[in-house]
PDB file of N, CA and C in Angstrom:
ATOM      1  N   MET A   1      86.399  12.898 -13.967  1.00  0.00           N
ATOM      2  CA  MET A   1      85.502  12.494 -15.023  1.00  0.00           C
ATOM      3  C   MET A   1      85.884  11.115 -15.581  1.00  0.00           C
ATOM      4  N   SER A   2      84.943  10.271 -15.746  1.00  0.00           N
ATOM      5  CA  SER A   2      85.242   8.933 -16.223  1.00  0.00           C
ATOM      6  C   SER A   2      85.529   8.958 -17.748  1.00  0.00           C
ATOM      7  N   ASP A   3      86.072   7.854 -18.219  1.00  0.00           N
ATOM      8  CA  ASP A   3      86.353   7.744 -19.654  1.00  0.00           C
ATOM      9  C   ASP A   3      85.119   7.803 -20.459  1.00  0.00           C
ATOM     10  N   THR A   4      84.013   7.189 -19.993  1.00  0.00           N
ATOM     11  CA  THR A   4      82.768   7.188 -20.739  1.00  0.00           C
ATOM     12  C   THR A   4      82.179   8.575 -20.799  1.00  0.00           C
ATOM     13  N   ALA A   5      82.212   9.323 -19.706  1.00  0.00           N
ATOM     14  CA  ALA A   5      81.677  10.665 -19.694  1.00  0.00           C
ATOM     15  C   ALA A   5      82.483  11.605 -20.584  1.00  0.00           C
ATOM     16  N   GLY A   6      83.829  11.414 -20.505  1.00  0.00           N
ATOM     17  CA  GLY A   6      84.713  12.217 -21.373  1.00  0.00           C
ATOM     18  C   GLY A   6      84.498  11.916 -22.846  1.00  0.00           C
ATOM     19  N   THR A   7      84.280  10.678 -23.183  1.00  0.00           N
ATOM     20  CA  THR A   7      84.012  10.315 -24.565  1.00  0.00           C
ATOM     21  C   THR A   7      82.698  10.889 -25.017  1.00  0.00           C
ATOM     22  N   ALA A   8      81.685  10.774 -24.198  1.00  0.00           N
ATOM     23  CA  ALA A   8      80.369  11.335 -24.530  1.00  0.00           C
ATOM     24  C   ALA A   8      80.447  12.783 -24.717  1.00  0.00           C
ATOM     25  N   LEU A   9      81.173  13.490 -23.840  1.00  0.00           N
ATOM     26  CA  LEU A   9      81.301  14.925 -23.931  1.00  0.00           C
ATOM     27  C   LEU A   9      82.034  15.359 -25.225  1.00  0.00           C
ATOM     28  N   ALA A  10      83.100  14.617 -25.576  1.00  0.00           N
ATOM     29  CA  ALA A  10      83.796  14.898 -26.803  1.00  0.00           C
ATOM     30  C   ALA A  10      82.916  14.642 -28.047  1.00  0.00           C
ATOM     31  N   ILE A  11      82.141  13.598 -28.043  1.00  0.00           N
ATOM     32  CA  ILE A  11      81.227  13.351 -29.173  1.00  0.00           C
ATOM     33  C   ILE A  11      80.187  14.471 -29.289  1.00  0.00           C
ATOM     34  N   LEU A  12      79.641  14.895 -28.194  1.00  0.00           N
ATOM     35  CA  LEU A  12      78.650  16.008 -28.211  1.00  0.00           C
ATOM     36  C   LEU A  12      79.252  17.288 -28.667  1.00  0.00           C
ATOM     37  N   GLY A  13      80.479  17.541 -28.198  1.00  0.00           N
ATOM     38  CA  GLY A  13      81.185  18.748 -28.641  1.00  0.00           C
ATOM     39  C   GLY A  13      81.476  18.749 -30.118  1.00  0.00           C
ATOM     40  N   LEU A  14      81.982  17.599 -30.652  1.00  0.00           N
ATOM     41  CA  LEU A  14      82.211  17.463 -32.097  1.00  0.00           C
ATOM     42  C   LEU A  14      80.930  17.621 -32.903  1.00  0.00           C
ATOM     43  N   ALA A  15      79.829  17.079 -32.384  1.00  0.00           N
ATOM     44  CA  ALA A  15      78.548  17.179 -33.066  1.00  0.00           C
ATOM     45  C   ALA A  15      78.120  18.595 -33.129  1.00  0.00           C
ATOM     46  N   LEU A  16      78.297  19.354 -32.065  1.00  0.00           N
ATOM     47  CA  LEU A  16      77.883  20.785 -31.993  1.00  0.00           C
ATOM     48  C   LEU A  16      78.739  21.563 -32.989  1.00  0.00           C
ATOM     49  N   VAL A  17      80.063  21.314 -33.004  1.00  0.00           N
ATOM     50  CA  VAL A  17      80.900  22.089 -33.928  1.00  0.00           C
ATOM     51  C   VAL A  17      80.542  21.797 -35.369  1.00  0.00           C
ATOM     52  N   THR A  18      80.264  20.483 -35.677  1.00  0.00           N
ATOM     53  CA  THR A  18      79.866  20.130 -37.016  1.00  0.00           C
ATOM     54  C   THR A  18      78.534  20.764 -37.383  1.00  0.00           C
ATOM     55  N   LEU A  19      77.567  20.804 -36.453  1.00  0.00           N
ATOM     56  CA  LEU A  19      76.305  21.413 -36.752  1.00  0.00           C
ATOM     57  C   LEU A  19      76.430  22.877 -37.067  1.00  0.00           C
ATOM     58  N   ILE A  20      77.227  23.575 -36.256  1.00  0.00           N
ATOM     59  CA  ILE A  20      77.410  25.013 -36.504  1.00  0.00           C
ATOM     60  C   ILE A  20      78.159  25.249 -37.810  1.00  0.00           C
ATOM     61  N   ALA A  21      79.199  24.485 -38.087  1.00  0.00           N
ATOM     62  CA  ALA A  21      79.966  24.664 -39.321  1.00  0.00           C
ATOM     63  C   ALA A  21      79.133  24.374 -40.568  1.00  0.00           C
ATOM     64  N   ARG A  22      78.405  23.290 -40.566  1.00  0.00           N
ATOM     65  CA  ARG A  22      77.622  22.953 -41.741  1.00  0.00           C
ATOM     66  C   ARG A  22      76.346  23.740 -41.807  1.00  0.00           C
ATOM     67  N   GLY A  23      75.763  24.098 -40.643  1.00  0.00           N
ATOM     68  CA  GLY A  23      74.565  24.888 -40.654  1.00  0.00           C
ATOM     69  C   GLY A  23      74.760  26.283 -41.216  1.00  0.00           C
ATOM     70  N   SER A  24      75.966  26.799 -41.062  1.00  0.00           N
ATOM     71  CA  SER A  24      76.214  28.135 -41.606  1.00  0.00           C
ATOM     72  C   SER A  24      76.138  28.158 -43.125  1.00  0.00           C
ATOM     73  N   PHE A  25      76.357  26.977 -43.770  1.00  0.00           N
ATOM     74  CA  PHE A  25      76.267  26.889 -45.188  1.00  0.00           C
ATOM     75  C   PHE A  25      74.837  26.454 -45.616  1.00  0.00           C
ATOM     76  N   LEU A  26      74.190  25.613 -44.795  1.00  0.00           N
ATOM     77  CA  LEU A  26      72.880  25.114 -45.179  1.00  0.00           C
ATOM     78  C   LEU A  26      71.729  26.110 -44.924  1.00  0.00           C
ATOM     79  N   PHE A  27      71.897  26.965 -43.937  1.00  0.00           N
ATOM     80  CA  PHE A  27      70.797  27.841 -43.527  1.00  0.00           C
ATOM     81  C   PHE A  27      71.220  29.313 -43.519  1.00  0.00           C
ATOM     82  N   PRO A  28      71.762  29.826 -44.620  1.00  0.00           N
ATOM     83  CA  PRO A  28      72.165  31.195 -44.611  1.00  0.00           C
ATOM     84  C   PRO A  28      70.960  32.124 -44.585  1.00  0.00           C
ATOM     85  N   GLU A  29      71.153  33.376 -44.073  1.00  0.00           N
ATOM     86  CA  GLU A  29      70.085  34.315 -44.030  1.00  0.00           C
ATOM     87  C   GLU A  29      69.773  34.881 -45.419  1.00  0.00           C
ATOM     88  N   ARG A  30      70.752  34.921 -46.242  1.00  0.00           N
ATOM     89  CA  ARG A  30      70.541  35.420 -47.621  1.00  0.00           C
ATOM     90  C   ARG A  30      71.205  34.465 -48.612  1.00  0.00           C
ATOM     91  N   ALA A  31      70.885  34.614 -49.846  1.00  0.00           N
ATOM     92  CA  ALA A  31      71.463  33.730 -50.888  1.00  0.00           C
ATOM     93  C   ALA A  31      72.959  34.057 -51.039  1.00  0.00           C
ATOM     94  N   VAL A  32      73.747  33.018 -51.115  1.00  0.00           N
ATOM     95  CA  VAL A  32      75.176  33.173 -51.311  1.00  0.00           C
ATOM     96  C   VAL A  32      75.481  33.009 -52.795  1.00  0.00           C
ATOM     97  N   LYS A  33      76.176  34.030 -53.324  1.00  0.00           N
ATOM     98  CA  LYS A  33      76.554  34.006 -54.747  1.00  0.00           C
ATOM     99  C   LYS A  33      77.895  33.271 -54.843  1.00  0.00           C
ATOM    100  N   VAL A  34      77.953  32.145 -55.587  1.00  0.00           N
ATOM    101  CA  VAL A  34      79.146  31.400 -55.788  1.00  0.00           C
ATOM    102  C   VAL A  34      79.737  31.778 -57.114  1.00  0.00           C
ATOM    103  N   PRO A  35      80.977  32.039 -57.151  1.00  0.00           N
ATOM    104  CA  PRO A  35      81.627  32.378 -58.457  1.00  0.00           C
ATOM    105  C   PRO A  35      81.566  31.263 -59.465  1.00  0.00           C
ATOM    106  N   GLU A  36      81.496  31.634 -60.727  1.00  0.00           N
ATOM    107  CA  GLU A  36      81.353  30.629 -61.785  1.00  0.00           C
ATOM    108  C   GLU A  36      82.567  29.729 -61.833  1.00  0.00           C
ATOM    109  N   ALA A  37      83.747  30.240 -61.587  1.00  0.00           N
ATOM    110  CA  ALA A  37      84.955  29.465 -61.628  1.00  0.00           C
ATOM    111  C   ALA A  37      84.962  28.354 -60.530  1.00  0.00           C
ATOM    112  N   LEU A  38      84.428  28.750 -59.361  1.00  0.00           N
ATOM    113  CA  LEU A  38      84.301  27.748 -58.261  1.00  0.00           C
ATOM    114  C   LEU A  38      83.344  26.650 -58.608  1.00  0.00           C
ATOM    115  N   LEU A  39      82.206  27.014 -59.244  1.00  0.00           N
ATOM    116  CA  LEU A  39      81.263  26.007 -59.679  1.00  0.00           C
ATOM    117  C   LEU A  39      81.818  25.022 -60.643  1.00  0.00           C
ATOM    118  N   ARG A  40      82.670  25.584 -61.629  1.00  0.00           N
ATOM    119  CA  ARG A  40      83.272  24.671 -62.575  1.00  0.00           C
ATOM    120  C   ARG A  40      84.280  23.774 -61.872  1.00  0.00           C
ATOM    121  N   ALA A  41      85.048  24.309 -60.951  1.00  0.00           N
ATOM    122  CA  ALA A  41      86.012  23.540 -60.247  1.00  0.00           C
ATOM    123  C   ALA A  41      85.352  22.414 -59.410  1.00  0.00           C
ATOM    124  N   LEU A  42      84.235  22.735 -58.798  1.00  0.00           N
ATOM    125  CA  LEU A  42      83.560  21.733 -57.987  1.00  0.00           C
ATOM    126  C   LEU A  42      82.953  20.577 -58.836  1.00  0.00           C
ATOM    127  N   GLN A  43      82.724  20.848 -60.123  1.00  0.00           N
ATOM    128  CA  GLN A  43      82.225  19.787 -60.937  1.00  0.00           C
ATOM    129  C   GLN A  43      83.270  18.722 -61.239  1.00  0.00           C
ATOM    130  N   VAL A  44      84.503  19.109 -61.307  1.00  0.00           N
ATOM    131  CA  VAL A  44      85.566  18.110 -61.548  1.00  0.00           C
ATOM    132  C   VAL A  44      86.309  17.621 -60.322  1.00  0.00           C
ATOM    133  N   ALA A  45      85.958  18.152 -59.195  1.00  0.00           N
ATOM    134  CA  ALA A  45      86.625  17.760 -57.946  1.00  0.00           C
ATOM    135  C   ALA A  45      86.590  16.265 -57.646  1.00  0.00           C
ATOM    136  N   PRO A  46      85.419  15.563 -57.826  1.00  0.00           N
ATOM    137  CA  PRO A  46      85.490  14.130 -57.592  1.00  0.00           C
ATOM    138  C   PRO A  46      86.438  13.380 -58.544  1.00  0.00           C
ATOM    139  N   LEU A  47      86.482  13.810 -59.794  1.00  0.00           N
ATOM    140  CA  LEU A  47      87.385  13.134 -60.739  1.00  0.00           C
ATOM    141  C   LEU A  47      88.821  13.385 -60.331  1.00  0.00           C
ATOM    142  N   ALA A  48      89.127  14.611 -59.905  1.00  0.00           N
ATOM    143  CA  ALA A  48      90.512  14.920 -59.495  1.00  0.00           C
ATOM    144  C   ALA A  48      90.909  14.092 -58.244  1.00  0.00           C
ATOM    145  N   ALA A  49      89.950  13.919 -57.335  1.00  0.00           N
ATOM    146  CA  ALA A  49      90.221  13.105 -56.194  1.00  0.00           C
ATOM    147  C   ALA A  49      90.513  11.633 -56.552  1.00  0.00           C
ATOM    148  N   LEU A  50      89.681  11.111 -57.477  1.00  0.00           N
ATOM    149  CA  LEU A  50      89.833   9.732 -57.917  1.00  0.00           C
ATOM    150  C   LEU A  50      91.208   9.575 -58.603  1.00  0.00           C
ATOM    151  N   VAL A  51      91.590  10.464 -59.450  1.00  0.00           N
ATOM    152  CA  VAL A  51      92.873  10.384 -60.128  1.00  0.00           C
ATOM    153  C   VAL A  51      94.012  10.495 -59.102  1.00  0.00           C
ATOM    154  N   ALA A  52      93.913  11.337 -58.071  1.00  0.00           N
ATOM    155  CA  ALA A  52      94.927  11.469 -57.062  1.00  0.00           C
ATOM    156  C   ALA A  52      95.117  10.179 -56.294  1.00  0.00           C
ATOM    157  N   VAL A  53      94.087   9.355 -56.142  1.00  0.00           N
ATOM    158  CA  VAL A  53      94.187   8.148 -55.437  1.00  0.00           C
ATOM    159  C   VAL A  53      94.709   7.037 -56.343  1.00  0.00           C
ATOM    160  N   LEU A  54      94.203   6.948 -57.568  1.00  0.00           N
ATOM    161  CA  LEU A  54      94.563   5.874 -58.465  1.00  0.00           C
ATOM    162  C   LEU A  54      95.889   6.016 -59.183  1.00  0.00           C
ATOM    163  N   ALA A  55      96.312   7.205 -59.520  1.00  0.00           N
ATOM    164  CA  ALA A  55      97.519   7.389 -60.307  1.00  0.00           C
ATOM    165  C   ALA A  55      98.720   6.775 -59.638  1.00  0.00           C
ATOM    166  N   PRO A  56      98.955   7.043 -58.327  1.00  0.00           N
ATOM    167  CA  PRO A  56     100.117   6.352 -57.704  1.00  0.00           C
ATOM    168  C   PRO A  56     100.037   4.862 -57.695  1.00  0.00           C
ATOM    169  N   GLU A  57      98.841   4.349 -57.589  1.00  0.00           N
ATOM    170  CA  GLU A  57      98.656   2.855 -57.590  1.00  0.00           C
ATOM    171  C   GLU A  57      99.022   2.254 -58.974  1.00  0.00           C
ATOM    172  N   ILE A  58      98.809   3.049 -60.016  1.00  0.00           N
ATOM    173  CA  ILE A  58      99.053   2.546 -61.355  1.00  0.00           C
ATOM    174  C   ILE A  58     100.506   2.822 -61.724  1.00  0.00           C
ATOM    175  N   ALA A  59     101.088   3.961 -61.399  1.00  0.00           N
ATOM    176  CA  ALA A  59     102.413   4.339 -61.869  1.00  0.00           C
ATOM    177  C   ALA A  59     103.552   3.982 -60.960  1.00  0.00           C
ATOM    178  N   LEU A  60     103.264   3.595 -59.769  1.00  0.00           N
ATOM    179  CA  LEU A  60     104.370   3.307 -58.776  1.00  0.00           C
ATOM    180  C   LEU A  60     104.438   1.821 -58.423  1.00  0.00           C
ATOM    181  N   VAL A  61     105.639   1.302 -58.278  1.00  0.00           N
ATOM    182  CA  VAL A  61     105.827  -0.065 -57.767  1.00  0.00           C
ATOM    183  C   VAL A  61     106.858   0.069 -56.635  1.00  0.00           C
ATOM    184  N   ASP A  62     106.480  -0.322 -55.442  1.00  0.00           N
ATOM    185  CA  ASP A  62     107.361  -0.219 -54.308  1.00  0.00           C
ATOM    186  C   ASP A  62     107.881   1.184 -54.117  1.00  0.00           C
ATOM    187  N   GLY A  63     107.086   2.213 -54.402  1.00  0.00           N
ATOM    188  CA  GLY A  63     107.491   3.573 -54.134  1.00  0.00           C
ATOM    189  C   GLY A  63     108.313   4.187 -55.262  1.00  0.00           C
ATOM    190  N   HIS A  64     108.523   3.470 -56.344  1.00  0.00           N
ATOM    191  CA  HIS A  64     109.376   3.943 -57.492  1.00  0.00           C
ATOM    192  C   HIS A  64     108.524   3.930 -58.752  1.00  0.00           C
ATOM    193  N   LEU A  65     108.764   4.918 -59.647  1.00  0.00           N
ATOM    194  CA  LEU A  65     108.060   4.931 -60.955  1.00  0.00           C
ATOM    195  C   LEU A  65     108.320   3.669 -61.715  1.00  0.00           C
ATOM    196  N   LEU A  66     107.331   3.285 -62.547  1.00  0.00           N
ATOM    197  CA  LEU A  66     107.520   2.132 -63.414  1.00  0.00           C
ATOM    198  C   LEU A  66     108.685   2.338 -64.307  1.00  0.00           C
ATOM    199  N   ASP A  67     109.492   1.303 -64.475  1.00  0.00           N
ATOM    200  CA  ASP A  67     110.679   1.386 -65.323  1.00  0.00           C
ATOM    201  C   ASP A  67     110.459   0.606 -66.605  1.00  0.00           C
ATOM    202  N   THR A  68     109.258   0.000 -66.746  1.00  0.00           N
ATOM    203  CA  THR A  68     108.994  -0.801 -67.953  1.00  0.00           C
ATOM    204  C   THR A  68     107.482  -0.636 -68.322  1.00  0.00           C
ATOM    205  N   TRP A  69     107.199  -0.936 -69.565  1.00  0.00           N
ATOM    206  CA  TRP A  69     105.803  -0.905 -70.018  1.00  0.00           C
ATOM    207  C   TRP A  69     105.079  -2.205 -69.704  1.00  0.00           C
ATOM    208  N   ARG A  70     105.847  -3.258 -69.199  1.00  0.00           N
ATOM    209  CA  ARG A  70     105.259  -4.517 -68.863  1.00  0.00           C
ATOM    210  C   ARG A  70     104.638  -4.426 -67.451  1.00  0.00           C
ATOM    211  N   SER A  71     103.477  -3.796 -67.379  1.00  0.00           N
ATOM    212  CA  SER A  71     102.805  -3.646 -66.105  1.00  0.00           C
ATOM    213  C   SER A  71     101.326  -3.945 -66.383  1.00  0.00           C
ATOM    214  N   ALA A  72     100.843  -4.985 -65.604  1.00  0.00           N
ATOM    215  CA  ALA A  72      99.454  -5.333 -65.755  1.00  0.00           C
ATOM    216  C   ALA A  72      98.509  -4.157 -65.354  1.00  0.00           C
ATOM    217  N   ARG A  73      98.902  -3.434 -64.303  1.00  0.00           N
ATOM    218  CA  ARG A  73      98.067  -2.295 -63.883  1.00  0.00           C
ATOM    219  C   ARG A  73      97.964  -1.236 -64.927  1.00  0.00           C
ATOM    220  N   LEU A  74      99.074  -0.911 -65.521  1.00  0.00           N
ATOM    221  CA  LEU A  74      99.092   0.135 -66.560  1.00  0.00           C
ATOM    222  C   LEU A  74      98.296  -0.319 -67.751  1.00  0.00           C
ATOM    223  N   ALA A  75      98.445  -1.553 -68.190  1.00  0.00           N
ATOM    224  CA  ALA A  75      97.672  -2.069 -69.328  1.00  0.00           C
ATOM    225  C   ALA A  75      96.167  -2.120 -69.007  1.00  0.00           C
ATOM    226  N   GLY A  76      95.801  -2.510 -67.832  1.00  0.00           N
ATOM    227  CA  GLY A  76      94.397  -2.529 -67.446  1.00  0.00           C
ATOM    228  C   GLY A  76      93.846  -1.124 -67.368  1.00  0.00           C
ATOM    229  N   ALA A  77      94.571  -0.171 -66.847  1.00  0.00           N
ATOM    230  CA  ALA A  77      94.136   1.224 -66.782  1.00  0.00           C
ATOM    231  C   ALA A  77      93.942   1.813 -68.215  1.00  0.00           C
ATOM    232  N   LEU A  78      94.881   1.526 -69.076  1.00  0.00           N
ATOM    233  CA  LEU A  78      94.794   2.003 -70.442  1.00  0.00           C
ATOM    234  C   LEU A  78      93.544   1.346 -71.207  1.00  0.00           C
ATOM    235  N   ALA A  79      93.346   0.088 -70.958  1.00  0.00           N
ATOM    236  CA  ALA A  79      92.185  -0.573 -71.592  1.00  0.00           C
ATOM    237  C   ALA A  79      90.899   0.007 -71.026  1.00  0.00           C
ATOM    238  N   ALA A  80      90.831   0.236 -69.718  1.00  0.00           N
ATOM    239  CA  ALA A  80      89.600   0.823 -69.155  1.00  0.00           C
ATOM    240  C   ALA A  80      89.369   2.232 -69.625  1.00  0.00           C
ATOM    241  N   THR A  81      90.444   3.004 -69.804  1.00  0.00           N
ATOM    242  CA  THR A  81      90.339   4.372 -70.292  1.00  0.00           C
ATOM    243  C   THR A  81      89.848   4.372 -71.747  1.00  0.00           C
ATOM    244  N   ALA A  82      90.427   3.507 -72.590  1.00  0.00           N
ATOM    245  CA  ALA A  82      90.012   3.442 -73.965  1.00  0.00           C
ATOM    246  C   ALA A  82      88.525   2.980 -74.056  1.00  0.00           C
ATOM    247  N   CYS A  83      88.144   2.037 -73.278  1.00  0.00           N
ATOM    248  CA  CYS A  83      86.737   1.537 -73.324  1.00  0.00           C
ATOM    249  C   CYS A  83      85.782   2.642 -72.863  1.00  0.00           C
ATOM    250  N   TYR A  84      86.215   3.446 -71.867  1.00  0.00           N
ATOM    251  CA  TYR A  84      85.381   4.524 -71.397  1.00  0.00           C
ATOM    252  C   TYR A  84      85.241   5.606 -72.466  1.00  0.00           C
ATOM    253  N   ALA A  85      86.306   5.880 -73.155  1.00  0.00           N
ATOM    254  CA  ALA A  85      86.289   6.894 -74.226  1.00  0.00           C
ATOM    255  C   ALA A  85      85.392   6.425 -75.407  1.00  0.00           C
ATOM    256  N   TRP A  86      85.356   5.130 -75.637  1.00  0.00           N
ATOM    257  CA  TRP A  86      84.598   4.550 -76.725  1.00  0.00           C
ATOM    258  C   TRP A  86      83.123   4.372 -76.321  1.00  0.00           C
ATOM    259  N   ARG A  87      82.875   3.876 -75.163  1.00  0.00           N
ATOM    260  CA  ARG A  87      81.562   3.413 -74.797  1.00  0.00           C
ATOM    261  C   ARG A  87      80.892   4.220 -73.661  1.00  0.00           C
ATOM    262  N   GLY A  88      81.710   4.691 -72.736  1.00  0.00           N
ATOM    263  CA  GLY A  88      81.165   5.374 -71.549  1.00  0.00           C
ATOM    264  C   GLY A  88      80.622   4.408 -70.531  1.00  0.00           C
ATOM    265  N   GLY A  89      79.954   4.924 -69.552  1.00  0.00           N
ATOM    266  CA  GLY A  89      79.419   4.065 -68.489  1.00  0.00           C
ATOM    267  C   GLY A  89      80.476   3.664 -67.496  1.00  0.00           C
ATOM    268  N   VAL A  90      80.128   2.697 -66.611  1.00  0.00           N
ATOM    269  CA  VAL A  90      81.042   2.227 -65.553  1.00  0.00           C
ATOM    270  C   VAL A  90      81.357   0.751 -65.764  1.00  0.00           C
ATOM    271  N   LEU A  91      80.377  -0.085 -66.066  1.00  0.00           N
ATOM    272  CA  LEU A  91      80.598  -1.473 -66.083  1.00  0.00           C
ATOM    273  C   LEU A  91      81.497  -1.928 -67.243  1.00  0.00           C
ATOM    274  N   ALA A  92      81.301  -1.354 -68.400  1.00  0.00           N
ATOM    275  CA  ALA A  92      82.171  -1.773 -69.572  1.00  0.00           C
ATOM    276  C   ALA A  92      83.662  -1.449 -69.350  1.00  0.00           C
ATOM    277  N   PRO A  93      84.039  -0.271 -68.879  1.00  0.00           N
ATOM    278  CA  PRO A  93      85.455  -0.067 -68.691  1.00  0.00           C
ATOM    279  C   PRO A  93      85.950  -0.892 -67.555  1.00  0.00           C
ATOM    280  N   LEU A  94      85.264  -1.115 -66.495  1.00  0.00           N
ATOM    281  CA  LEU A  94      85.682  -1.990 -65.411  1.00  0.00           C
ATOM    282  C   LEU A  94      85.962  -3.383 -65.971  1.00  0.00           C
ATOM    283  N   THR A  95      85.043  -3.912 -66.750  1.00  0.00           N
ATOM    284  CA  THR A  95      85.169  -5.256 -67.327  1.00  0.00           C
ATOM    285  C   THR A  95      86.375  -5.305 -68.226  1.00  0.00           C
ATOM    286  N   ALA A  96      86.518  -4.297 -69.094  1.00  0.00           N
ATOM    287  CA  ALA A  96      87.633  -4.300 -70.040  1.00  0.00           C
ATOM    288  C   ALA A  96      88.985  -4.242 -69.364  1.00  0.00           C
ATOM    289  N   GLY A  97      89.084  -3.392 -68.312  1.00  0.00           N
ATOM    290  CA  GLY A  97      90.341  -3.288 -67.545  1.00  0.00           C
ATOM    291  C   GLY A  97      90.681  -4.586 -66.858  1.00  0.00           C
ATOM    292  N   LEU A  98      89.716  -5.241 -66.204  1.00  0.00           N
ATOM    293  CA  LEU A  98      89.973  -6.472 -65.529  1.00  0.00           C
ATOM    294  C   LEU A  98      90.205  -7.573 -66.507  1.00  0.00           C
ATOM    295  N   ALA A  99      89.521  -7.561 -67.663  1.00  0.00           N
ATOM    296  CA  ALA A  99      89.771  -8.642 -68.658  1.00  0.00           C
ATOM    297  C   ALA A  99      91.171  -8.606 -69.187  1.00  0.00           C
ATOM    298  N   LEU A 100      91.858  -7.494 -69.185  1.00  0.00           N
ATOM    299  CA  LEU A 100      93.223  -7.419 -69.612  1.00  0.00           C
ATOM    300  C   LEU A 100      94.178  -7.581 -68.419  1.00  0.00           C
ATOM    301  N   TYR A 101      93.827  -7.045 -67.311  1.00  0.00           N
ATOM    302  CA  TYR A 101      94.688  -7.076 -66.117  1.00  0.00           C
ATOM    303  C   TYR A 101      94.909  -8.530 -65.601  1.00  0.00           C
ATOM    304  N   LEU A 102      93.805  -9.228 -65.407  1.00  0.00           N
ATOM    305  CA  LEU A 102      93.861 -10.537 -64.751  1.00  0.00           C
ATOM    306  C   LEU A 102      94.732 -11.568 -65.537  1.00  0.00           C
ATOM    307  N   PRO A 103      94.556 -11.685 -66.875  1.00  0.00           N
ATOM    308  CA  PRO A 103      95.468 -12.629 -67.592  1.00  0.00           C
ATOM    309  C   PRO A 103      96.899 -12.186 -67.545  1.00  0.00           C
ATOM    310  N   LEU A 104      97.183 -10.921 -67.670  1.00  0.00           N
ATOM    311  CA  LEU A 104      98.563 -10.451 -67.612  1.00  0.00           C
ATOM    312  C   LEU A 104      99.176 -10.675 -66.224  1.00  0.00           C
ATOM    313  N   ARG A 105      98.424 -10.422 -65.195  1.00  0.00           N
ATOM    314  CA  ARG A 105      98.907 -10.526 -63.858  1.00  0.00           C
ATOM    315  C   ARG A 105      99.050 -11.989 -63.321  1.00  0.00           C
ATOM    316  N   LEU A 106      97.961 -12.725 -63.560  1.00  0.00           N
ATOM    317  CA  LEU A 106      97.920 -14.077 -63.084  1.00  0.00           C
ATOM    318  C   LEU A 106      98.531 -15.045 -64.052  1.00  0.00           C
ATOM    319  N   GLY A 107      98.315 -14.851 -65.360  1.00  0.00           N
ATOM    320  CA  GLY A 107      98.876 -15.755 -66.375  1.00  0.00           C
ATOM    321  C   GLY A 107     100.305 -15.535 -66.724  1.00  0.00           C
ATOM    322  N   LEU A 108     100.696 -14.289 -66.955  1.00  0.00           N
ATOM    323  CA  LEU A 108     102.078 -13.939 -67.342  1.00  0.00           C
ATOM    324  C   LEU A 108     102.937 -13.468 -66.190  1.00  0.00           C
ATOM    325  N   GLY A 109     102.322 -13.187 -65.073  1.00  0.00           N
ATOM    326  CA  GLY A 109     103.089 -12.737 -63.898  1.00  0.00           C
ATOM    327  C   GLY A 109     103.592 -11.282 -63.979  1.00  0.00           C
ATOM    328  N   TRP A 110     102.958 -10.472 -64.784  1.00  0.00           N
ATOM    329  CA  TRP A 110     103.446  -9.091 -64.923  1.00  0.00           C
ATOM    330  C   TRP A 110     103.203  -8.495 -63.606  1.00  0.00           C
TER     331      TRP A 110
END
């Protein structure tokens, strides 16, 4: 079997497995009752994933925890969090965080 045929067969096999796995949830024969606790957990799952990605970027430097409060990333994250708590939305916290991060990082070298 050539590499091209093997690749095509692998793609078709993966597509079939994906179709079966997802189809079992999309086209059930009867309604599936989802527990209330699972529904609440699914509502905060995107936020938990975002925190899991961003927290190490903010709190770690070269694989070690911050040893000082002089961190442009920490200051920017705190400013963005405070702005979000005050105003909400996406653009205002992003702007507030960057407005503090950039001068500290580029101007003061934090």
